[in-house]
């Protein structure tokens, strides 16, 4: 049996126990070894919250930039446009422009007479002082590009206006003062006298409206109104120092 034993092998002496295997490393040491490596990145939700907090500030900055741009565009930036086109655009928005209104009073007098044969049996006279008004207007819709001439050398815009138009006289008969003379003034005769006086008053008011002195005042008011209406559009177009000369058809001077 001794021959069956291989070198290095044999039985332990009696009374000796075999050595136990070495104990495994503690669990905490394994965990520490497992954690060895690059540090973990911070939680992603913190970065997301930071980006979300920037949203309102970006909006405020954008609004502030827009306000600065609009202010610069309105008060600093200047872009010269077409003076004739600017003037025509200002007139296109108004078909008619009332430039002058004349207020005055007219006196009308009429008479009603009733006869029997060669004898006059009734005669009534009535006089009325009636307030009246007439408007003077320009027909802007009839104007075209030929009525505007721009001289670049002198920065002058010459505007040729059409003839003034007068409205039908407006009689304020409710405020009229009536004076009657005669007897037996019946309701029928009063109506006839009132209608005749209204017709006379309208004719007189229309004649007064075409008086040379009144027309001169209306023309001067029309020129001033047109100059005022064109000054702002020309300034917006970049022609702050532009001169505006206004004349009527047939006039040789402004």
Protein backbone atom coordinates (compact mmCIF):
# COMPACT_ATOMS: atom_id res chain seq x y z
CA UNK A 1 0.00 0.00 0.00
CA UNK A 2 2.92 2.25 0.63
CA UNK A 3 3.77 1.89 -3.01
CA UNK A 4 0.44 3.37 -4.00
CA UNK A 5 1.24 6.73 -2.33
CA UNK A 6 2.42 9.44 -4.62
CA UNK A 7 5.15 11.81 -3.68
CA UNK A 8 3.90 14.68 -1.58
CA UNK A 9 0.73 12.87 -0.60
CA UNK A 10 0.08 11.22 2.66
CA UNK A 11 -2.15 11.11 5.60
CA UNK A 12 -2.12 13.77 8.34
CA UNK A 13 -0.81 12.75 11.64
CA UNK A 14 -3.50 11.55 13.94
CA UNK A 15 -5.04 14.29 16.10
CA UNK A 16 -4.44 17.23 13.63
CA UNK A 17 -7.36 18.88 11.77
CA UNK A 18 -7.02 20.44 8.33
CA UNK A 19 -6.59 24.26 8.14
CA UNK A 20 -9.82 26.09 7.30
CA UNK A 21 -9.90 28.20 4.06
CA UNK A 22 -9.31 31.97 4.46
CA UNK A 23 -12.50 33.92 5.20
CA UNK A 24 -14.05 35.99 2.34
CA UNK A 25 -13.49 39.78 2.41
CA UNK A 26 -16.15 41.81 4.17
CA UNK A 27 -19.13 43.03 2.16
CA UNK A 28 -18.34 46.70 2.80
CA UNK A 29 -14.91 46.25 1.25
CA UNK A 30 -16.51 44.76 -1.85
CA UNK A 31 -18.83 47.73 -2.08
CA UNK A 32 -15.98 50.17 -1.76
CA UNK A 33 -14.11 48.41 -4.56
CA UNK A 34 -17.18 48.45 -6.73
CA UNK A 35 -17.51 52.24 -6.28
CA UNK A 36 -14.00 52.93 -7.44
CA UNK A 37 -14.26 54.91 -10.71
CA UNK A 38 -15.12 58.40 -12.08
CA UNK A 39 -17.55 60.49 -10.00
CA UNK A 40 -21.22 60.33 -10.94
CA UNK A 41 -22.72 63.39 -12.70
CA UNK A 42 -25.11 65.63 -10.71
CA UNK A 43 -28.82 64.97 -11.00
CA UNK A 44 -30.31 66.13 -14.28
CA UNK A 45 -33.34 67.81 -12.67
CA UNK A 46 -31.20 70.63 -11.26
CA UNK A 47 -30.00 71.65 -14.72
CA UNK A 48 -33.53 71.47 -16.11
CA UNK A 49 -34.81 73.75 -13.35
CA UNK A 50 -32.04 76.25 -14.08
CA UNK A 51 -32.95 76.37 -17.75
CA UNK A 52 -36.62 76.79 -16.92
CA UNK A 53 -35.85 79.75 -14.66
CA UNK A 54 -34.12 81.50 -17.58
CA UNK A 55 -37.32 81.55 -19.70
CA UNK A 56 -38.98 84.69 -18.23
CA UNK A 57 -35.72 86.64 -18.35
CA UNK A 58 -35.26 85.80 -22.02
CA UNK A 59 -38.79 87.06 -22.74
CA UNK A 60 -38.17 90.29 -20.81
CA UNK A 61 -34.93 90.88 -22.72
CA UNK A 62 -36.70 90.32 -26.04
CA UNK A 63 -39.46 92.79 -25.14
CA UNK A 64 -36.90 95.39 -24.06
CA UNK A 65 -35.04 95.00 -27.36
CA UNK A 66 -38.29 95.39 -29.29
CA UNK A 67 -39.15 98.57 -27.35
CA UNK A 68 -35.72 100.03 -28.08
CA UNK A 69 -36.09 99.25 -31.78
CA UNK A 70 -39.53 100.86 -31.99
CA UNK A 71 -38.29 103.97 -30.17
CA UNK A 72 -35.32 104.22 -32.51
CA UNK A 73 -37.59 103.77 -35.51
CA UNK A 74 -40.00 106.45 -34.32
CA UNK A 75 -37.60 109.12 -33.05
CA UNK A 76 -34.19 108.50 -34.58
CA UNK A 77 -34.52 106.63 -37.85
CA UNK A 78 -35.34 108.78 -40.87
CA UNK A 79 -36.29 107.45 -44.24
CA UNK A 80 -37.14 109.84 -47.03
CA UNK A 81 -40.12 108.83 -49.12
CA UNK A 82 -41.94 110.29 -52.10
CA UNK A 83 -43.40 113.72 -51.20
CA UNK A 84 -46.04 113.59 -53.94
CA UNK A 85 -47.15 110.11 -52.94
CA UNK A 86 -47.29 111.15 -49.28
CA UNK A 87 -49.44 114.18 -50.13
CA UNK A 88 -51.80 112.16 -52.32
CA UNK A 89 -52.14 109.50 -49.64
CA UNK A 90 -53.15 112.17 -47.13
CA UNK A 91 -55.86 113.41 -49.50
CA UNK A 92 -57.10 109.94 -50.42
CA UNK A 93 -58.28 109.47 -46.85
CA UNK A 94 -60.65 112.43 -47.22
CA UNK A 95 -63.09 112.72 -50.10
CA UNK A 96 -64.01 116.28 -49.15
CA UNK A 97 -62.51 118.86 -46.85
CA UNK A 98 -64.65 121.59 -45.31
CA UNK A 99 -62.32 124.58 -45.13
CA UNK A 100 -64.61 127.48 -44.23
CA UNK A 101 -68.09 128.15 -42.84
CA UNK A 102 -69.86 131.48 -43.14
CA UNK A 103 -72.54 132.49 -40.62
CA UNK A 104 -74.74 135.49 -41.32
CA UNK A 105 -78.30 136.77 -41.30
CA UNK A 106 -80.51 137.57 -44.25
CA UNK A 107 -83.59 139.77 -44.36
CA UNK A 108 -86.57 138.65 -46.40
CA UNK A 109 -89.75 140.59 -46.94
CA UNK A 110 -92.97 139.65 -48.71
CA UNK A 111 -96.50 140.93 -49.07
CA UNK A 112 -99.95 139.37 -49.43
CA UNK A 113 -102.77 141.37 -50.97
CA UNK A 114 -106.43 140.48 -51.55
CA UNK A 115 -108.64 142.63 -53.78
CA UNK A 116 -112.29 142.76 -54.77
CA UNK A 117 -112.59 144.47 -58.10
CA UNK A 118 -110.61 147.67 -58.04
CA UNK A 119 -110.58 147.76 -54.26
CA UNK A 120 -107.93 146.24 -51.98
CA UNK A 121 -109.70 144.70 -49.05
CA UNK A 122 -106.74 143.13 -47.29
CA UNK A 123 -103.00 143.67 -47.30
CA UNK A 124 -100.46 141.98 -45.05
CA UNK A 125 -96.70 142.48 -45.04
CA UNK A 126 -94.24 140.22 -43.30
CA UNK A 127 -90.49 140.68 -42.76
CA UNK A 128 -88.18 137.96 -41.44
CA UNK A 129 -84.58 138.09 -40.21
CA UNK A 130 -83.30 134.53 -40.62
CA UNK A 131 -79.89 133.15 -39.52
CA UNK A 132 -78.12 131.31 -42.34
CA UNK A 133 -74.90 129.39 -42.88
CA UNK A 134 -72.93 128.18 -45.90
CA UNK A 135 -70.05 125.69 -45.95
CA UNK A 136 -67.12 125.86 -48.37
CA UNK A 137 -65.45 122.59 -49.25
CA UNK A 138 -62.80 121.09 -51.50
CA UNK A 139 -63.44 117.99 -53.59
CA UNK A 140 -60.21 116.10 -52.93
CA UNK A 141 -61.32 113.01 -54.84
CA UNK A 142 -60.96 114.91 -58.11
CA UNK A 143 -57.24 115.59 -57.56
CA UNK A 144 -54.52 113.49 -59.19
CA UNK A 145 -50.72 113.45 -59.48
CA UNK A 146 -50.74 116.34 -61.96
CA UNK A 147 -52.00 118.64 -59.20
CA UNK A 148 -48.82 118.07 -57.15
CA UNK A 149 -45.39 119.27 -58.25
CA UNK A 150 -42.21 118.73 -56.24
CA UNK A 151 -39.09 120.84 -56.75
CA UNK A 152 -36.15 119.04 -55.24
CA UNK A 153 -33.77 122.00 -55.56
CA UNK A 154 -35.89 124.19 -53.28
CA UNK A 155 -37.71 121.41 -51.38
CA UNK A 156 -41.02 122.96 -52.41
CA UNK A 157 -44.30 121.15 -52.99
CA UNK A 158 -46.77 123.10 -55.13
CA UNK A 159 -50.41 122.01 -54.88
CA UNK A 160 -53.11 123.15 -57.31
CA UNK A 161 -56.60 122.97 -55.83
CA UNK A 162 -59.92 122.67 -57.65
CA UNK A 163 -62.59 125.34 -57.35
CA UNK A 164 -64.30 125.75 -54.03
CA UNK A 165 -67.75 124.27 -53.72
CA UNK A 166 -70.47 125.94 -51.66
CA UNK A 167 -73.19 124.04 -49.89
CA UNK A 168 -76.86 124.86 -50.10
CA UNK A 169 -77.64 127.62 -47.57
CA UNK A 170 -78.88 126.29 -44.27
CA UNK A 171 -81.67 128.51 -42.91
CA UNK A 172 -82.33 128.35 -39.18
CA UNK A 173 -85.98 129.36 -39.40
CA UNK A 174 -86.60 128.25 -35.82
CA UNK A 175 -84.48 131.22 -34.70
CA UNK A 176 -86.00 133.65 -37.19
CA UNK A 177 -87.48 136.96 -36.03
CA UNK A 178 -90.81 137.73 -37.68
CA UNK A 179 -92.42 141.13 -38.08
CA UNK A 180 -95.98 141.39 -39.43
CA UNK A 181 -97.95 144.41 -40.54
CA UNK A 182 -101.61 144.48 -41.57
CA UNK A 183 -105.01 143.23 -40.47
CA UNK A 184 -106.82 139.96 -40.99
CA UNK A 185 -103.65 137.90 -41.24
CA UNK A 186 -105.17 134.44 -41.45
CA UNK A 187 -103.41 131.09 -41.15
CA UNK A 188 -103.48 130.73 -44.93
CA UNK A 189 -101.84 134.09 -45.56
CA UNK A 190 -99.23 133.44 -42.85
CA UNK A 191 -98.24 130.16 -44.53
CA UNK A 192 -97.96 131.82 -47.93
CA UNK A 193 -95.83 134.66 -46.55
CA UNK A 194 -93.53 132.25 -44.64
CA UNK A 195 -92.89 130.10 -47.72
CA UNK A 196 -92.17 133.16 -49.87
CA UNK A 197 -89.80 134.59 -47.28
CA UNK A 198 -87.91 131.27 -47.06
CA UNK A 199 -87.38 131.28 -50.83
CA UNK A 200 -86.20 134.89 -50.79
CA UNK A 201 -83.87 134.22 -47.85
CA UNK A 202 -82.24 131.23 -49.59
CA UNK A 203 -81.59 133.26 -52.76
CA UNK A 204 -80.08 136.09 -50.75
CA UNK A 205 -77.91 133.72 -48.71
CA UNK A 206 -76.55 132.06 -51.86
CA UNK A 207 -75.73 135.45 -53.36
CA UNK A 208 -74.00 136.53 -50.16
CA UNK A 209 -71.94 133.30 -50.11
CA UNK A 210 -70.57 134.15 -53.57
CA UNK A 211 -69.54 137.63 -52.52
CA UNK A 212 -65.95 138.38 -53.56
CA UNK A 213 -64.84 139.25 -50.04
CA UNK A 214 -66.35 136.10 -48.54
CA UNK A 215 -64.81 133.95 -51.28
CA UNK A 216 -61.40 135.49 -50.61
CA UNK A 217 -61.70 134.55 -46.95
CA UNK A 218 -62.75 131.02 -47.90
CA UNK A 219 -59.84 130.61 -50.32
CA UNK A 220 -57.33 131.79 -47.72
CA UNK A 221 -58.79 129.35 -45.20
CA UNK A 222 -58.59 126.53 -47.78
CA UNK A 223 -54.90 127.18 -48.46
CA UNK A 224 -54.07 127.23 -44.76
CA UNK A 225 -56.04 124.02 -44.18
CA UNK A 226 -54.24 122.20 -47.00
CA UNK A 227 -50.82 123.34 -45.78
CA UNK A 228 -51.65 122.09 -42.29
CA UNK A 229 -52.95 118.75 -43.58
CA UNK A 230 -49.82 118.12 -45.67
CA UNK A 231 -47.20 119.27 -43.17
CA UNK A 232 -47.43 116.13 -41.01
CA UNK A 233 -47.30 113.53 -43.85
CA UNK A 234 -44.29 115.29 -45.39
CA UNK A 235 -42.51 115.40 -42.03
CA UNK A 236 -43.14 111.67 -41.55
CA UNK A 237 -41.73 111.03 -45.03
CA UNK A 238 -38.53 112.84 -44.02
CA UNK A 239 -39.19 116.31 -45.45
CA UNK A 240 -39.31 118.40 -42.29
CA UNK A 241 -38.11 121.58 -44.01
CA UNK A 242 -40.35 121.31 -47.06
CA UNK A 243 -42.24 124.38 -48.23
CA UNK A 244 -45.86 123.95 -49.27
CA UNK A 245 -47.31 126.38 -51.80
CA UNK A 246 -51.05 126.15 -52.47
CA UNK A 247 -52.93 127.79 -55.31
CA UNK A 248 -56.27 127.44 -57.04
CA UNK A 249 -56.88 126.67 -60.67
CA UNK A 250 -56.23 129.79 -62.73
CA UNK A 251 -54.02 131.47 -60.14
CA UNK A 252 -50.47 132.35 -61.11
CA UNK A 253 -49.11 132.86 -57.59
CA UNK A 254 -49.40 131.03 -54.30
